Protein backbone atom coordinates (compact mmCIF):
# COMPACT_ATOMS: atom_id res chain seq x y z
CA MET A 1 13.99 -7.72 12.98
CA THR A 2 11.79 -7.46 16.05
CA SER A 3 8.23 -6.21 15.90
CA SER A 4 9.33 -2.90 17.38
CA GLU A 5 11.76 -2.43 14.49
CA LYS A 6 9.28 -3.07 11.68
CA LYS A 7 8.56 -0.12 9.47
CA VAL A 8 4.95 0.24 8.32
CA CYS A 9 3.30 2.94 6.24
CA LEU A 10 -0.42 3.65 5.64
CA ILE A 11 -1.24 5.29 2.33
CA THR A 12 -4.72 6.46 1.38
CA GLY A 13 -5.50 6.39 -2.32
CA GLY A 14 -2.60 4.03 -2.96
CA ALA A 15 -3.72 3.09 -6.45
CA GLY A 16 -3.29 6.67 -7.67
CA ARG A 17 -0.31 7.56 -9.82
CA LEU A 18 1.84 9.33 -7.22
CA ALA A 19 0.74 7.23 -4.25
CA SER A 20 1.48 3.99 -6.10
CA GLU A 21 5.04 5.14 -6.78
CA ILE A 22 5.45 6.04 -3.13
CA ALA A 23 4.05 2.66 -2.02
CA VAL A 24 6.48 0.69 -4.19
CA SER A 25 9.42 2.91 -3.22
CA LEU A 26 8.69 2.46 0.48
CA ALA A 27 8.39 -1.31 0.03
CA GLN A 28 11.75 -1.33 -1.76
CA ASN A 29 13.18 0.47 1.27
CA GLY A 30 11.97 -2.05 3.83
CA TYR A 31 8.52 -0.73 4.73
CA SER A 32 5.44 -2.92 4.82
CA VAL A 33 2.81 -0.81 3.12
CA PHE A 34 -0.92 -0.83 3.72
CA PHE A 35 -2.91 1.19 1.25
CA THR A 36 -6.47 1.92 0.28
CA TYR A 37 -8.07 2.17 -3.12
CA ASN A 38 -11.53 3.16 -4.26
CA ARG A 39 -12.28 2.40 -7.93
CA SER A 40 -9.04 0.92 -9.27
CA GLN A 41 -9.04 -2.60 -7.85
CA GLU A 42 -7.14 -4.17 -10.76
CA LYS A 43 -4.43 -1.50 -10.61
CA ALA A 44 -4.29 -1.79 -6.81
CA GLU A 45 -3.76 -5.55 -7.06
CA LYS A 46 -0.82 -5.01 -9.44
CA ILE A 47 0.71 -2.45 -7.08
CA LEU A 48 0.26 -4.84 -4.16
CA ASP A 49 1.98 -7.64 -6.09
CA THR A 50 4.92 -5.34 -6.78
CA ALA A 51 5.11 -4.15 -3.17
CA ARG A 52 4.91 -7.72 -1.85
CA ALA A 53 7.95 -8.67 -3.93
CA PHE A 54 9.91 -6.42 -1.57
CA ALA A 55 7.70 -6.43 1.55
CA PRO A 56 5.58 -9.60 1.78
CA GLU A 57 3.48 -8.26 4.68
CA SER A 58 2.08 -5.44 2.55
CA ALA A 59 -1.71 -5.28 2.16
CA MET A 60 -4.56 -3.22 0.72
CA THR A 61 -8.26 -2.67 1.26
CA HIS A 62 -11.15 -1.00 -0.52
CA CYS A 63 -12.16 2.29 1.09
CA ASP A 64 -14.44 5.04 -0.17
CA VAL A 65 -13.71 7.98 2.13
CA SER A 66 -16.49 10.03 0.56
CA LYS A 67 -18.98 7.74 2.33
CA VAL A 68 -17.44 7.91 5.79
CA THR A 69 -19.66 9.63 8.33
């Protein structure tokens, strides 16, 4: 797969219930997922581990959008 063929998805609030299901589903379907979390670091790490089983380039970062100016 060339870099122009890679599928990538950005998900905000990826540790939430619905978003986490979407993140894993997209990873299972060939997308590298990048998602944010705010308070649920432990849950986010578990979701990332699951996503990376299907899409090793997946990643996450802490982001509190309520503090963005």
